[in-house]
Amino acid sequence: MNVRRASVLIASLVMLATATGCPRKAVVSSGKATNKTASAEDLLKSAIHQLRPENFSIAAAPDKPVSLLNSWRGMLGDAKLGGDAVESETPAPPTGWASAEVAKRLTTDKFDEQDAVHIRDCQLTHSIATYLAARSNDELQRVQEVFQFVVRNIALRGDDDPELPISTYLILMTGRGTPEDRAWVCASILKQLRIDSVIVRPGDAAKADDDEWLFGAVLNDRIHLFDAKLGLAIPSSVEISATSFAPATLLELPAHPEWLQQLAARADQPYRIDAESLKVARVMPIAEPDFWGRRMNRLEQVLPAESACVLFDPPSDDLGRTGLIKRIQAACQDLKAENLLLWPYPARQLATARTANQATMQQMQQLLLSFSAPIAANVDPKTGNAVGAVAERKMLKIRTDQLLGKFEDATQRYLSIRHLEIEPSQFTEIVQLHRLAAEDAIYWSGLSKFEAEEYEAAIEQLAGYVKRFDRKGRWTFAARSLLAECHVRQGKFSEAVAAIERTVAEDPYREANAVRIKRWTPLAKKTGDAGNKQ
């Protein structure tokens, strides 16, 4: 498909600045309410409603909700909610955790566009955290539910896919990313459950950007470890089911090198991290400065019940809250605060997005093309040529609802997108874009069915996708992986192995699939045909 030509046709329809969280100009007000008859509560409810993920989407402008927030702040006057202290006493971030510009921004009580993006993103991840948490009453199992959800919903990019600097919101919306993106999104969802996350690296790792790292969830003063690339928990001796183990902890892993070796793709190929190297590990908190400003503390405490979420989480003790650093220290023996360095990936991605050049912006625009569907061309009646296009953005609304947990409704509405590819159009670019959107809709329908635990329907959708697109599809490798998981959920291990045993060098799931085949093959032999009849 000539995506570039299609992107030219609808270039004016996609607003990237809001989508990436890239601030144009801080939007502030004089502090006077725009409607003198409106109460502070009305202003706040209106602002937060406009910042809901279903309302403040890729093409939305932040000016009005930000102005409402500042009007709300102005109506409160000097009232300090929750015992908030004066701006001059706002603690500075730990050394090395934020630039001087970021630290200065934290001291202001005025809201800006970046705050709007932060509020929207927190509401989205809180919604996801809520329905995932409802799947279990056990906190560690909830962590695993979040991790597995992220692995399913963030497909690994192929080697040919550009690695673009996008926010957690767009990572979730587009459903594609790197292992680092998976870790970042997982941390964002867990924060809404008030569970901290870290990156764990061997103490002697030579480079800061190599792949020798693990994702860690801090729970009950222990760091539970996961591999975001393989999409698997680091196994311990505690077997949860025939196919999974409770995640090992950082404290116990050095004494059990055999646990890591279970994740080696081949018997003669060692796992990329040696257990011995984790005896003196580097622990890097996953956090973002947008959570540190005291204006977020004020706002969090008065959010409408339907929009409640975590907005404020300081690194150090502040306003009666135990800081992130102290909480992580409790999970690490003999770890000094000054040795806790912030994981740089989120800040680097966001900073790069805010200074993106034109070429990068065009790539990001292409990434978002299918969300504009359906597209209707405005035609010059005299020449018959397209002179513009109108985007309904129905795809964007459906995808947002899917992430908000409305799986059945999203699956039904995706049908209208899938039908677009057979609708005639005289403009090739629109036909190509609709085919792109239809392909996404087919895959995301299968994913929605999985999340709704309708595994037979998910198998039908995903198997149909794989048969139709084979290796040419944008989601081929992710679809095969998810199809295998569907079979496993039904105890059909032979079918699961068959779904992923055919591999190619460019498959980003090949190592993960090799590990899973090692686990599932003995189970397939053990269950035999009986497992296939479940």
Protein backbone atom coordinates (compact mmCIF):
# COMPACT_ATOMS: atom_id res chain seq x y z
CA MET A 1 0.00 0.00 0.00
CA ASN A 2 1.18 3.51 -0.79
CA VAL A 3 0.69 4.91 2.69
CA ARG A 4 2.56 8.08 1.85
CA ARG A 5 0.07 9.08 -0.85
CA ALA A 6 -2.85 8.36 1.46
CA SER A 7 -1.25 10.44 4.19
CA VAL A 8 -0.97 13.41 1.84
CA LEU A 9 -4.68 13.20 1.11
CA ILE A 10 -5.70 13.41 4.78
CA ALA A 11 -2.74 15.27 6.27
CA SER A 12 -4.94 18.03 7.64
CA LEU A 13 -7.12 15.53 9.47
CA VAL A 14 -4.61 14.27 12.04
CA MET A 15 -3.41 16.51 14.86
CA LEU A 16 -0.21 15.00 16.21
CA ALA A 17 0.67 17.53 18.88
CA THR A 18 -2.11 16.48 21.22
CA ALA A 19 -1.71 12.82 20.38
CA THR A 20 1.92 12.68 21.42
CA GLY A 21 1.57 14.93 24.41
CA CYS A 22 3.68 17.55 22.69
CA PRO A 23 3.04 21.00 24.17
CA ARG A 24 2.60 23.88 21.79
CA LYS A 25 2.03 26.77 24.12
CA ALA A 26 1.03 26.61 27.75
CA VAL A 27 -2.66 27.39 28.08
CA VAL A 28 -3.39 29.36 31.22
CA SER A 29 -6.07 31.77 32.34
CA SER A 30 -6.29 34.78 34.55
CA GLY A 31 -7.99 32.67 37.17
CA LYS A 32 -11.41 34.21 36.54
CA ALA A 33 -14.24 31.89 35.71
CA THR A 34 -15.46 32.10 32.14
CA ASN A 35 -19.02 31.71 33.42
CA LYS A 36 -19.62 33.67 36.61
CA THR A 37 -22.73 31.67 37.40
CA ALA A 38 -20.88 28.39 37.24
CA SER A 39 -19.63 26.85 40.44
CA ALA A 40 -16.10 25.57 40.88
CA GLU A 41 -17.51 22.05 40.96
CA ASP A 42 -19.26 22.56 37.62
CA LEU A 43 -16.07 23.88 36.04
CA LEU A 44 -14.09 20.92 37.31
CA LYS A 45 -16.62 18.35 36.13
CA SER A 46 -16.76 19.95 32.69
CA ALA A 47 -12.97 20.03 32.37
CA ILE A 48 -12.50 16.42 33.47
CA HIS A 49 -15.33 15.24 31.23
CA GLN A 50 -13.64 16.86 28.25
CA LEU A 51 -10.39 15.10 29.21
CA ARG A 52 -11.95 11.66 29.26
CA PRO A 53 -10.15 9.37 26.74
CA GLU A 54 -13.30 9.04 24.64
CA ASN A 55 -13.56 12.85 24.38
CA PHE A 56 -9.94 14.08 24.39
CA SER A 57 -8.59 11.92 21.61
CA ILE A 58 -6.00 12.23 18.89
CA ALA A 59 -7.69 15.12 17.12
CA ALA A 60 -8.88 17.03 20.20
CA ALA A 61 -7.64 20.46 21.23
CA PRO A 62 -6.70 20.96 24.90
CA ASP A 63 -7.30 24.72 25.11
CA LYS A 64 -10.82 24.66 26.51
CA PRO A 65 -10.38 22.01 29.25
CA VAL A 66 -7.10 23.60 30.34
CA SER A 67 -8.78 26.99 30.56
CA LEU A 68 -11.58 25.45 32.62
CA LEU A 69 -9.07 23.89 34.99
CA ASN A 70 -7.36 27.21 35.52
CA SER A 71 -10.71 28.91 36.05
CA TRP A 72 -11.51 26.27 38.65
CA ARG A 73 -8.16 26.94 40.30
CA GLY A 74 -8.86 30.67 40.29
CA MET A 75 -12.27 30.26 41.90
CA LEU A 76 -10.69 28.33 44.74
CA GLY A 77 -8.47 31.34 45.40
CA ASP A 78 -6.00 30.76 48.18
CA ALA A 79 -7.76 27.68 49.53
CA LYS A 80 -5.25 24.90 50.00
CA LEU A 81 -6.83 21.51 49.60
CA GLY A 82 -5.47 18.62 51.56
CA GLY A 83 -3.08 20.74 53.60
CA ASP A 84 -1.13 21.74 50.51
CA ALA A 85 1.89 23.89 51.19
CA VAL A 86 3.00 27.05 49.41
CA GLU A 87 4.76 26.78 46.08
CA SER A 88 8.15 27.79 47.44
CA GLU A 89 8.24 24.70 49.63
CA THR A 90 7.72 22.22 46.83
CA PRO A 91 10.56 19.67 47.17
CA ALA A 92 13.02 19.57 44.32
CA PRO A 93 13.21 16.25 42.44
CA PRO A 94 16.12 13.97 43.38
CA THR A 95 19.40 14.79 41.70
CA GLY A 96 19.45 13.57 38.12
CA TRP A 97 15.72 12.87 37.98
CA ALA A 98 14.61 16.01 36.14
CA SER A 99 16.03 18.93 34.18
CA ALA A 100 15.97 22.45 35.58
CA GLU A 101 13.11 23.29 33.22
CA VAL A 102 11.04 20.34 34.42
CA ALA A 103 11.77 21.09 38.07
CA LYS A 104 10.62 24.69 37.58
CA ARG A 105 7.40 23.58 35.93
CA LEU A 106 6.58 21.41 38.94
CA THR A 107 6.38 24.45 41.23
CA THR A 108 3.60 26.25 39.37
CA ASP A 109 -0.07 25.81 40.20
CA LYS A 110 -1.24 26.68 36.68
CA PHE A 111 -2.38 23.90 34.38
CA ASP A 112 -1.05 23.55 30.84
CA GLU A 113 -1.48 21.30 27.83
CA GLN A 114 0.94 18.73 29.17
CA ASP A 115 -1.24 18.41 32.26
CA ALA A 116 -4.27 17.80 30.04
CA VAL A 117 -2.49 14.91 28.35
CA HIS A 118 -1.42 13.55 31.75
CA ILE A 119 -5.00 13.62 33.08
CA ARG A 120 -6.35 11.93 29.94
CA ASP A 121 -3.69 9.22 30.05
CA CYS A 122 -4.25 8.51 33.75
CA GLN A 123 -7.99 8.14 33.18
CA LEU A 124 -7.33 5.66 30.38
CA THR A 125 -4.87 3.53 32.34
CA HIS A 126 -7.12 3.68 35.42
CA SER A 127 -10.03 2.32 33.38
CA ILE A 128 -7.84 -0.51 32.13
CA ALA A 129 -6.53 -1.21 35.63
CA THR A 130 -10.07 -1.35 37.00
CA TYR A 131 -11.39 -4.09 34.74
CA LEU A 132 -8.14 -6.06 34.94
CA ALA A 133 -8.14 -5.90 38.74
CA ALA A 134 -11.68 -7.28 38.77
CA ARG A 135 -10.37 -10.53 37.31
CA SER A 136 -8.67 -11.54 40.58
CA ASN A 137 -8.73 -10.79 44.30
CA ASP A 138 -5.03 -11.60 44.71
CA GLU A 139 -2.65 -8.66 44.23
CA LEU A 140 0.17 -10.67 42.67
CA GLN A 141 -2.29 -12.28 40.29
CA ARG A 142 -3.52 -8.78 39.39
CA VAL A 143 0.04 -7.81 38.51
CA GLN A 144 0.24 -10.84 36.24
CA GLU A 145 -3.10 -9.97 34.66
CA VAL A 146 -1.79 -6.48 33.86
CA PHE A 147 1.48 -7.81 32.45
CA GLN A 148 -0.24 -10.43 30.29
CA PHE A 149 -2.77 -7.86 29.05
CA VAL A 150 0.04 -5.52 27.99
CA VAL A 151 1.88 -8.34 26.21
CA ARG A 152 -1.27 -9.23 24.28
CA ASN A 153 -2.23 -5.66 23.47
CA ILE A 154 1.22 -4.27 22.59
CA ALA A 155 2.44 -6.28 19.62
CA LEU A 156 6.19 -6.29 19.15
CA ARG A 157 7.37 -4.18 16.26
CA GLY A 158 9.22 -5.85 13.43
CA ASP A 159 12.77 -4.96 12.46
CA ASP A 160 11.46 -2.86 9.57
CA ASP A 161 9.04 -0.83 11.70
CA PRO A 162 10.29 2.63 12.71
CA GLU A 163 10.76 3.12 16.44
CA LEU A 164 8.90 6.36 16.98
CA PRO A 165 8.92 8.54 20.12
CA ILE A 166 5.31 8.20 21.22
CA SER A 167 3.52 8.33 24.58
CA THR A 168 1.85 5.50 26.48
CA TYR A 169 -1.50 6.69 25.12
CA LEU A 170 -0.41 6.18 21.52
CA ILE A 171 1.40 2.94 22.33
CA LEU A 172 -1.91 1.61 23.62
CA MET A 173 -3.97 3.10 20.80
CA THR A 174 -1.76 1.80 17.99
CA GLY A 175 -1.10 -1.49 19.78
CA ARG A 176 2.52 -1.73 18.68
CA GLY A 177 5.78 -1.12 20.48
CA THR A 178 9.11 -2.31 21.80
CA PRO A 179 9.80 -4.33 24.96
CA GLU A 180 10.60 -0.98 26.60
CA ASP A 181 7.19 0.34 25.54
CA ARG A 182 5.56 -2.70 27.11
CA ALA A 183 7.39 -2.05 30.39
CA TRP A 184 6.37 1.62 30.35
CA VAL A 185 2.70 0.88 29.69
CA CYS A 186 2.67 -1.88 32.28
CA ALA A 187 4.11 0.52 34.87
CA SER A 188 1.49 3.14 33.97
CA ILE A 189 -1.38 0.70 34.51
CA LEU A 190 0.08 -0.68 37.74
CA LYS A 191 0.49 2.84 39.11
CA GLN A 192 -3.28 3.18 38.98
CA LEU A 193 -3.39 0.17 41.33
CA ARG A 194 -0.74 1.94 43.47
CA ILE A 195 1.83 -0.71 42.63
CA ASP A 196 5.34 0.54 41.84
CA SER A 197 7.44 -0.65 38.92
CA VAL A 198 11.17 -0.77 38.23
CA ILE A 199 13.69 -1.85 35.66
CA VAL A 200 16.27 -4.32 37.00
CA ARG A 201 19.66 -4.56 35.35
CA PRO A 202 22.80 -6.53 36.22
CA GLY A 203 25.15 -4.34 38.23
CA ASP A 204 27.96 -4.94 35.74
CA ALA A 205 25.93 -4.28 32.57
CA ALA A 206 28.22 -2.49 30.14
CA LYS A 207 25.67 -0.34 28.34
CA ALA A 208 22.59 1.50 29.53
CA ASP A 209 20.59 0.68 26.39
CA ASP A 210 21.30 -3.01 25.82
CA ASP A 211 18.67 -5.70 26.34
CA GLU A 212 20.01 -6.97 29.66
CA TRP A 213 17.10 -5.84 31.78
CA LEU A 214 13.94 -7.16 33.38
CA PHE A 215 10.68 -5.53 34.37
CA GLY A 216 9.92 -5.58 38.08
CA ALA A 217 6.68 -5.02 40.01
CA VAL A 218 7.15 -4.01 43.65
CA LEU A 219 4.69 -5.79 45.89
CA ASN A 220 4.89 -6.75 49.57
CA ASP A 221 8.47 -5.48 49.77
CA ARG A 222 9.55 -7.81 46.98
CA ILE A 223 10.42 -7.14 43.34
CA HIS A 224 8.64 -9.68 41.14
CA LEU A 225 10.35 -10.10 37.78
CA PHE A 226 9.11 -10.37 34.20
CA ASP A 227 10.66 -10.46 30.72
CA ALA A 228 8.87 -7.87 28.58
CA LYS A 229 10.41 -9.13 25.33
CA LEU A 230 9.41 -12.76 25.82
CA GLY A 231 6.16 -11.70 27.46
CA LEU A 232 6.68 -14.16 30.31
CA ALA A 233 7.16 -14.03 34.04
CA ILE A 234 10.57 -15.12 35.27
CA PRO A 235 9.55 -18.56 36.57
CA SER A 236 9.92 -19.60 40.19
CA SER A 237 9.30 -23.00 41.79
CA VAL A 238 5.66 -22.08 42.45
CA GLU A 239 3.52 -23.52 39.66
CA ILE A 240 0.27 -21.62 39.09
CA SER A 241 -1.01 -23.80 36.28
CA ALA A 242 0.29 -26.30 33.76
CA THR A 243 1.64 -23.44 31.66
CA SER A 244 2.72 -20.73 34.11
CA PHE A 245 4.67 -20.08 37.27
CA ALA A 246 4.53 -17.38 39.93
CA PRO A 247 7.12 -14.71 39.06
CA ALA A 248 10.47 -15.07 40.78
CA THR A 249 11.68 -12.24 43.01
CA LEU A 250 14.95 -10.38 42.74
CA LEU A 251 15.96 -11.55 46.19
CA GLU A 252 15.63 -15.27 45.44
CA LEU A 253 16.71 -15.40 41.79
CA PRO A 254 20.54 -15.36 42.24
CA ALA A 255 20.31 -18.66 44.11
CA HIS A 256 18.34 -20.29 41.28
CA PRO A 257 20.11 -19.90 37.93
CA GLU A 258 18.04 -22.78 36.56
CA TRP A 259 14.93 -20.59 36.65
CA LEU A 260 16.40 -18.14 34.16
CA GLN A 261 17.71 -20.94 31.98
CA GLN A 262 14.11 -22.11 31.46
CA LEU A 263 13.71 -18.98 29.34
CA ALA A 264 16.55 -19.82 26.97
CA ALA A 265 15.27 -20.34 23.44
CA ARG A 266 17.58 -23.37 22.99
CA ALA A 267 19.32 -25.72 25.39
CA ASP A 268 22.72 -24.72 24.02
CA GLN A 269 21.95 -21.00 24.18
CA PRO A 270 22.16 -19.32 27.60
CA TYR A 271 19.58 -16.76 28.67
CA ARG A 272 20.76 -13.20 28.08
CA ILE A 273 21.05 -12.45 31.84
CA ASP A 274 23.11 -14.50 34.26
CA ALA A 275 21.58 -15.04 37.71
CA GLU A 276 24.93 -14.37 39.38
CA SER A 277 25.00 -10.86 37.89
CA LEU A 278 21.80 -9.97 39.75
CA LYS A 279 23.38 -10.35 43.18
CA VAL A 280 24.33 -6.67 42.90
CA ALA A 281 21.57 -5.39 40.63
CA ARG A 282 20.77 -1.88 39.48
CA VAL A 283 17.17 -0.97 40.29
CA MET A 284 15.71 1.90 38.26
CA PRO A 285 12.26 3.28 39.20
CA ILE A 286 9.78 3.87 36.38
CA ALA A 287 8.24 7.28 37.00
CA GLU A 288 7.25 10.47 35.17
CA PRO A 289 7.55 14.07 36.44
CA ASP A 290 3.94 14.79 35.52
CA PHE A 291 2.98 12.92 38.70
CA TRP A 292 5.13 15.13 40.96
CA GLY A 293 3.48 18.57 40.76
CA ARG A 294 1.38 19.55 43.76
CA ARG A 295 -1.40 20.88 41.55
CA MET A 296 -2.01 17.22 40.71
CA ASN A 297 -2.41 16.45 44.41
CA ARG A 298 -5.11 19.14 44.70
CA LEU A 299 -6.87 17.85 41.61
CA GLU A 300 -6.69 14.16 42.49
CA GLN A 301 -8.48 14.71 45.80
CA VAL A 302 -11.54 16.36 44.23
CA LEU A 303 -11.97 14.38 41.02
CA PRO A 304 -15.53 13.29 40.24
CA ALA A 305 -16.08 9.70 41.35
CA GLU A 306 -16.55 8.43 37.80
CA SER A 307 -13.18 9.91 36.81
CA ALA A 308 -11.14 9.02 39.90
CA CYS A 309 -7.56 8.05 39.14
CA VAL A 310 -4.01 8.43 40.45
CA LEU A 311 -2.55 11.77 39.33
CA PHE A 312 -0.02 12.49 42.07
CA ASP A 313 2.89 10.33 43.25
CA PRO A 314 5.96 12.22 44.51
CA PRO A 315 9.42 10.61 44.44
CA SER A 316 10.19 11.77 47.99
CA ASP A 317 7.91 11.98 51.04
CA ASP A 318 5.56 14.95 50.56
CA LEU A 319 2.16 16.08 51.80
CA GLY A 320 1.84 13.11 54.10
CA ARG A 321 2.55 10.59 51.35
CA THR A 322 5.39 8.07 51.45
CA GLY A 323 7.54 8.75 48.42
CA LEU A 324 8.35 6.34 45.62
CA ILE A 325 12.01 6.13 46.62
CA LYS A 326 11.29 5.02 50.17
CA ARG A 327 8.80 2.42 48.96
CA ILE A 328 11.32 0.91 46.57
CA GLN A 329 14.05 0.97 49.18
CA ALA A 330 11.84 -1.20 51.37
CA ALA A 331 11.99 -3.87 48.66
CA CYS A 332 15.77 -3.69 48.22
CA GLN A 333 18.34 -4.61 50.81
CA ASP A 334 21.01 -1.99 51.53
CA LEU A 335 19.93 0.24 48.65
CA LYS A 336 20.79 3.89 49.17
CA ALA A 337 18.50 6.60 47.81
CA GLU A 338 21.33 8.29 45.90
CA ASN A 339 21.93 5.04 43.98
CA LEU A 340 18.36 4.96 42.68
CA LEU A 341 18.50 6.42 39.18
CA LEU A 342 15.30 7.06 37.25
CA TRP A 343 14.78 4.84 34.20
CA PRO A 344 15.51 7.32 31.38
CA TYR A 345 13.39 5.76 28.63
CA PRO A 346 10.02 7.53 29.22
CA ALA A 347 11.60 10.98 29.59
CA ARG A 348 13.74 10.45 26.51
CA GLN A 349 10.78 9.34 24.40
CA LEU A 350 8.60 12.26 25.46
CA ALA A 351 11.39 14.80 25.00
CA THR A 352 12.12 13.45 21.53
CA ALA A 353 8.42 13.62 20.63
CA ARG A 354 8.25 17.28 21.63
CA THR A 355 11.16 18.15 19.37
CA ALA A 356 10.32 15.81 16.51
CA ASN A 357 11.46 16.86 13.05
CA GLN A 358 9.22 16.89 10.01
CA ALA A 359 10.26 13.43 8.84
CA THR A 360 9.42 11.91 12.21
CA MET A 361 6.10 13.76 12.31
CA GLN A 362 5.21 12.31 8.91
CA GLN A 363 6.02 8.80 10.14
CA MET A 364 3.85 9.36 13.17
CA GLN A 365 1.06 10.63 10.93
CA GLN A 366 1.25 7.45 8.87
CA LEU A 367 1.04 5.43 12.08
CA LEU A 368 -2.32 7.06 12.82
CA LEU A 369 -3.87 6.88 9.36
CA SER A 370 -6.37 4.11 9.97
CA PHE A 371 -7.96 5.97 12.89
CA SER A 372 -9.39 8.50 10.43
CA ALA A 373 -11.59 5.89 8.75
CA PRO A 374 -14.08 6.11 7.23
CA ILE A 375 -12.82 8.74 4.79
CA ALA A 376 -15.09 10.49 2.29
CA ALA A 377 -13.62 12.60 -0.49
CA ASN A 378 -14.85 16.08 -1.35
CA VAL A 379 -15.05 16.08 -5.14
CA ASP A 380 -14.89 19.02 -7.48
CA PRO A 381 -18.02 18.53 -9.65
CA LYS A 382 -16.34 20.17 -12.63
CA THR A 383 -13.14 18.11 -12.70
CA GLY A 384 -14.09 15.02 -10.72
CA ASN A 385 -10.89 15.35 -8.72
CA ALA A 386 -10.61 15.08 -4.94
CA VAL A 387 -10.11 18.51 -3.40
CA GLY A 388 -10.13 17.39 0.21
CA ALA A 389 -11.36 14.68 2.51
CA VAL A 390 -13.67 14.32 5.48
CA ALA A 391 -12.70 11.90 8.22
CA GLU A 392 -15.45 10.38 10.35
CA ARG A 393 -12.86 8.90 12.76
CA LYS A 394 -15.22 6.06 13.63
CA MET A 395 -12.20 3.75 13.92
CA LEU A 396 -10.70 6.00 16.59
CA LYS A 397 -13.87 5.86 18.68
CA ILE A 398 -14.17 2.09 18.44
CA ARG A 399 -10.53 1.50 19.35
CA THR A 400 -10.87 3.80 22.36
CA ASP A 401 -13.94 1.91 23.56
CA GLN A 402 -12.09 -1.37 23.16
CA LEU A 403 -9.31 -0.14 25.45
CA LEU A 404 -11.94 1.09 27.92
CA GLY A 405 -13.15 -2.51 28.22
CA LYS A 406 -16.23 -2.38 26.00
CA PHE A 407 -15.17 -5.51 24.14
CA GLU A 408 -18.50 -6.82 22.89
CA ASP A 409 -19.63 -3.44 21.63
CA ALA A 410 -16.26 -2.79 19.96
CA THR A 411 -16.35 -6.15 18.16
CA GLN A 412 -19.78 -5.41 16.71
CA ARG A 413 -18.80 -1.93 15.60
CA TYR A 414 -15.58 -3.13 13.99
CA LEU A 415 -17.79 -4.86 11.42
CA SER A 416 -18.59 -1.48 9.87
CA ILE A 417 -14.86 -0.83 9.44
CA ARG A 418 -14.20 -4.27 7.97
CA HIS A 419 -16.91 -3.66 5.37
CA LEU A 420 -15.13 -0.53 4.14
CA GLU A 421 -12.64 -2.50 2.05
CA ILE A 422 -15.38 -3.78 -0.23
CA GLU A 423 -17.06 -0.41 -0.68
CA PRO A 424 -16.15 1.14 -4.05
CA SER A 425 -14.34 4.44 -4.39
CA GLN A 426 -12.86 6.20 -7.37
CA PHE A 427 -9.89 7.30 -5.28
CA THR A 428 -7.17 4.71 -4.85
CA GLU A 429 -5.73 6.39 -1.76
CA ILE A 430 -9.03 6.09 0.12
CA VAL A 431 -9.41 2.44 -0.91
CA GLN A 432 -5.91 1.72 0.39
CA LEU A 433 -6.54 3.48 3.67
CA HIS A 434 -9.82 1.64 4.19
CA ARG A 435 -8.05 -1.67 3.58
CA LEU A 436 -5.51 -0.74 6.21
CA ALA A 437 -8.27 0.09 8.69
CA ALA A 438 -10.14 -3.12 7.84
CA GLU A 439 -7.05 -5.21 8.54
CA ASP A 440 -6.63 -3.55 11.93
CA ALA A 441 -10.32 -4.13 12.67
CA ILE A 442 -10.08 -7.85 11.89
CA TYR A 443 -7.12 -8.33 14.24
CA TRP A 444 -8.52 -6.15 17.01
CA SER A 445 -11.83 -8.02 16.81
CA GLY A 446 -9.96 -11.23 17.60
CA LEU A 447 -8.17 -9.51 20.45
CA SER A 448 -11.47 -8.19 21.83
CA LYS A 449 -12.93 -11.69 21.75
CA PHE A 450 -9.91 -12.98 23.69
CA GLU A 451 -10.29 -10.30 26.36
CA ALA A 452 -13.97 -11.20 26.65
CA GLU A 453 -12.87 -14.84 27.15
CA GLU A 454 -14.76 -15.92 24.02
CA TYR A 455 -11.92 -18.13 22.84
CA GLU A 456 -13.72 -20.04 20.07
CA ALA A 457 -14.78 -16.77 18.47
CA ALA A 458 -11.27 -15.39 18.92
CA ILE A 459 -9.79 -18.47 17.24
CA GLU A 460 -12.14 -18.02 14.29
CA GLN A 461 -11.16 -14.36 13.89
CA LEU A 462 -7.42 -14.88 14.32
CA ALA A 463 -7.21 -18.02 12.20
CA GLY A 464 -9.08 -16.18 9.47
CA TYR A 465 -6.63 -13.29 9.70
CA VAL A 466 -3.59 -15.59 9.51
CA LYS A 467 -5.01 -17.52 6.57
CA ARG A 468 -5.82 -14.37 4.65
CA PHE A 469 -2.72 -12.27 5.29
CA ASP A 470 -0.11 -14.92 6.09
CA ARG A 471 3.27 -13.15 6.34
CA LYS A 472 2.12 -10.02 4.56
CA GLY A 473 -0.08 -8.73 7.33
CA ARG A 474 0.82 -6.03 9.82
CA TRP A 475 -0.30 -8.28 12.68
CA THR A 476 0.73 -11.70 11.35
CA PHE A 477 3.21 -12.61 14.07
CA ALA A 478 1.11 -11.16 16.88
CA ALA A 479 -1.97 -12.95 15.54
CA ARG A 480 -0.15 -16.31 15.52
CA SER A 481 1.03 -15.77 19.08
CA LEU A 482 -2.45 -14.82 20.28
CA LEU A 483 -4.02 -17.71 18.38
CA ALA A 484 -1.70 -20.08 20.24
CA GLU A 485 -2.75 -18.55 23.57
CA CYS A 486 -6.40 -19.09 22.66
CA HIS A 487 -5.72 -22.80 22.15
CA VAL A 488 -3.84 -23.01 25.45
CA ARG A 489 -6.79 -21.45 27.29
CA GLN A 490 -8.83 -24.38 25.98
CA GLY A 491 -6.21 -26.98 26.84
CA LYS A 492 -5.41 -27.65 23.18
CA PHE A 493 -1.64 -27.72 23.36
CA SER A 494 -1.02 -29.49 20.04
CA GLU A 495 -2.93 -26.78 18.21
CA ALA A 496 -1.06 -24.12 20.19
CA VAL A 497 2.30 -25.54 19.12
CA ALA A 498 1.15 -25.84 15.52
CA ALA A 499 0.11 -22.17 15.47
CA ILE A 500 3.61 -20.89 16.24
CA GLU A 501 6.09 -23.60 15.24
CA ARG A 502 6.56 -22.19 11.74
CA THR A 503 8.95 -19.28 12.10
CA VAL A 504 11.10 -16.90 10.09
CA ALA A 505 14.07 -14.74 11.00
CA GLU A 506 12.05 -11.50 10.98
CA ASP A 507 9.48 -12.81 13.50
CA PRO A 508 9.93 -10.71 16.69
CA TYR A 509 8.14 -13.49 18.63
CA ARG A 510 10.49 -16.29 17.58
CA GLU A 511 12.38 -16.48 20.91
CA ALA A 512 9.21 -16.28 22.99
CA ASN A 513 7.56 -18.93 20.82
CA ALA A 514 10.54 -21.25 21.18
CA VAL A 515 10.25 -21.04 24.97
CA ARG A 516 6.51 -21.63 24.88
CA ILE A 517 6.89 -24.60 22.55
CA LYS A 518 9.32 -26.12 25.06
CA ARG A 519 6.66 -25.78 27.74
CA TRP A 520 3.70 -26.89 25.69
CA THR A 521 5.13 -29.87 23.79
CA PRO A 522 5.27 -32.18 26.85
CA LEU A 523 1.73 -31.11 27.74
CA ALA A 524 0.56 -31.87 24.20
CA LYS A 525 2.03 -35.38 24.47
CA LYS A 526 0.54 -35.84 27.93
CA THR A 527 -2.98 -34.72 27.10
CA GLY A 528 -3.08 -36.17 23.59
CA ASP A 529 -6.45 -36.15 21.90
CA ALA A 530 -8.17 -35.70 25.26
CA GLY A 531 -6.91 -32.16 25.50
CA ASN A 532 -8.25 -31.42 22.04
CA LYS A 533 -11.76 -32.44 23.01
CA GLN A 534 -12.13 -29.95 25.86
